[in-house]
Amino acid sequence: MINFFFFFFFLFLQHRPLNEVDQLEMEFIRTFPVYLEQYQDSQNHKQGLEMMMYQQLLPVTIELIHAKFERPTTKQKAQSYIKSRNQYIKDLMKKLGGTKDTNKVIIRKLKKNDPWTLYINSLTDEASCC
């Protein structure tokens, strides 16, 4: 805000009308701090959503699907489990007003954080490499 007043005062001292560049520069000086504030608010909001995802939503979701489905013990059962798990969560989120974007984020997080499928995938990857 101080820069804006300094800039305006400097132009005032020059006793000349503002040209197009001066006007545009003043407009930039006026709008950029507003953008910066909104950008920071957006970043804080994103961080809050991430924290909620990992500290609340994801643990409850994994606990729910582990209570609902049987733990897979083979690669074939894991593939069936993943398909059933994803469809169940998608249907549940759809009933609650989830969008394709929010649903995709949660399914992607499940894929990376569900210990049941991570364990089965690690076993089959190790067995296939030898």
Protein backbone atom coordinates (compact mmCIF):
# COMPACT_ATOMS: atom_id res chain seq x y z
CA MET A 1 0.00 0.00 0.00
CA ILE A 2 2.90 2.34 0.73
CA ASN A 3 4.23 1.80 -2.81
CA PHE A 4 0.94 3.01 -4.25
CA PHE A 5 1.02 6.24 -2.26
CA PHE A 6 4.70 6.77 -3.05
CA PHE A 7 4.05 6.24 -6.74
CA PHE A 8 1.03 8.56 -6.73
CA PHE A 9 2.92 11.22 -4.78
CA PHE A 10 5.86 10.96 -7.18
CA LEU A 11 3.58 11.48 -10.17
CA PHE A 12 1.82 14.34 -8.44
CA LEU A 13 5.14 16.08 -7.91
CA GLN A 14 5.92 15.89 -11.59
CA HIS A 15 2.89 18.10 -12.39
CA ARG A 16 2.01 16.39 -15.59
CA PRO A 17 -1.00 14.43 -16.76
CA LEU A 18 -0.75 10.67 -16.54
CA ASN A 19 0.01 8.95 -19.82
CA GLU A 20 -1.31 5.51 -20.74
CA VAL A 21 1.68 3.66 -19.26
CA ASP A 22 1.40 5.60 -16.00
CA GLN A 23 -2.32 4.83 -15.79
CA LEU A 24 -1.78 1.16 -16.48
CA GLU A 25 1.07 0.99 -14.00
CA MET A 26 -1.15 2.56 -11.34
CA GLU A 27 -3.90 0.06 -12.16
CA PHE A 28 -1.39 -2.77 -11.77
CA ILE A 29 -0.16 -1.34 -8.46
CA ARG A 30 -3.78 -1.13 -7.30
CA THR A 31 -4.87 -4.62 -8.36
CA PHE A 32 -1.77 -6.75 -7.71
CA PRO A 33 -1.98 -6.62 -3.88
CA VAL A 34 -5.64 -7.74 -4.09
CA TYR A 35 -4.62 -10.64 -6.32
CA LEU A 36 -1.78 -11.51 -3.97
CA GLU A 37 -4.11 -11.61 -0.97
CA GLN A 38 -6.62 -13.82 -2.78
CA TYR A 39 -3.84 -16.09 -3.99
CA GLN A 40 -2.57 -16.53 -0.43
CA ASP A 41 -6.10 -17.26 0.79
CA SER A 42 -6.43 -19.87 -1.96
CA GLN A 43 -3.12 -21.50 -0.97
CA ASN A 44 -4.19 -21.61 2.67
CA HIS A 45 -7.51 -23.15 1.64
CA LYS A 46 -5.74 -25.83 -0.45
CA GLN A 47 -3.48 -26.66 2.48
CA GLY A 48 -6.50 -26.97 4.76
CA LEU A 49 -8.21 -29.33 2.31
CA GLU A 50 -5.08 -31.50 2.06
CA MET A 51 -4.83 -31.72 5.85
CA MET A 52 -8.51 -32.68 6.10
CA MET A 53 -8.05 -35.28 3.36
CA TYR A 54 -5.10 -37.02 5.04
CA GLN A 55 -6.05 -36.57 8.69
CA GLN A 56 -9.80 -37.19 8.53
CA LEU A 57 -11.40 -38.29 5.26
CA LEU A 58 -8.85 -40.80 3.99
CA PRO A 59 -8.44 -42.71 7.29
CA VAL A 60 -12.23 -42.98 7.71
CA THR A 61 -12.66 -44.05 4.09
CA ILE A 62 -10.02 -46.77 4.36
CA GLU A 63 -11.49 -48.00 7.64
CA LEU A 64 -14.96 -48.09 6.04
CA ILE A 65 -13.89 -50.09 3.00
CA HIS A 66 -11.87 -52.50 5.12
CA ALA A 67 -14.94 -53.12 7.27
CA LYS A 68 -17.15 -53.57 4.20
CA PHE A 69 -14.92 -55.82 2.06
CA GLU A 70 -12.85 -58.93 2.64
CA ARG A 71 -9.08 -58.52 2.52
CA PRO A 72 -7.70 -59.76 -0.81
CA THR A 73 -5.01 -62.42 -0.66
CA THR A 74 -4.15 -62.81 -4.35
CA LYS A 75 -3.58 -60.49 -7.28
CA GLN A 76 -6.88 -61.58 -8.85
CA LYS A 77 -8.82 -60.94 -5.63
CA ALA A 78 -7.03 -57.60 -5.26
CA GLN A 79 -8.17 -56.53 -8.72
CA SER A 80 -11.75 -57.47 -7.88
CA TYR A 81 -11.46 -55.69 -4.51
CA ILE A 82 -10.16 -52.50 -6.15
CA LYS A 83 -13.00 -52.48 -8.67
CA SER A 84 -15.63 -53.09 -5.96
CA ARG A 85 -14.02 -50.61 -3.57
CA ASN A 86 -13.87 -47.86 -6.16
CA GLN A 87 -17.44 -48.41 -7.32
CA TYR A 88 -18.73 -48.45 -3.75
CA ILE A 89 -16.96 -45.20 -2.86
CA LYS A 90 -17.99 -43.53 -6.14
CA ASP A 91 -21.64 -44.45 -5.55
CA LEU A 92 -21.49 -43.23 -1.96
CA MET A 93 -19.87 -39.93 -2.94
CA LYS A 94 -22.38 -39.45 -5.76
CA LYS A 95 -25.25 -39.81 -3.27
CA LEU A 96 -23.58 -37.14 -1.13
CA GLY A 97 -23.16 -34.66 -4.00
CA GLY A 98 -19.59 -35.45 -5.00
CA THR A 99 -18.39 -34.19 -8.36
CA LYS A 100 -16.25 -36.06 -10.87
CA ASP A 101 -13.27 -33.96 -9.77
CA THR A 102 -13.65 -34.60 -6.05
CA ASN A 103 -14.39 -38.28 -6.66
CA LYS A 104 -11.30 -38.64 -8.85
CA VAL A 105 -9.09 -37.09 -6.17
CA ILE A 106 -10.37 -39.44 -3.47
CA ILE A 107 -10.10 -42.56 -5.66
CA ARG A 108 -6.53 -41.57 -6.60
CA LYS A 109 -5.64 -41.08 -2.92
CA LEU A 110 -7.15 -44.47 -2.07
CA LYS A 111 -5.06 -46.10 -4.78
CA LYS A 112 -1.89 -44.69 -3.25
CA ASN A 113 -2.80 -45.22 0.42
CA ASP A 114 -4.87 -48.39 0.80
CA PRO A 115 -2.51 -50.80 2.58
CA TRP A 116 -4.38 -53.86 1.34
CA THR A 117 -3.71 -53.22 -2.33
CA LEU A 118 -0.26 -51.80 -1.70
CA TYR A 119 0.70 -55.02 0.07
CA ILE A 120 -0.66 -57.31 -2.67
CA ASN A 121 0.94 -55.19 -5.41
CA SER A 122 4.31 -55.33 -3.65
CA LEU A 123 4.14 -59.12 -3.42
CA THR A 124 3.27 -59.61 -7.07
CA ASP A 125 5.88 -57.08 -8.23
CA GLU A 126 8.61 -58.86 -6.29
CA ALA A 127 7.48 -62.29 -7.49
CA SER A 128 7.34 -61.22 -11.13
CA CYS A 129 10.82 -59.69 -11.14
CA CYS A 130 12.64 -62.94 -10.15
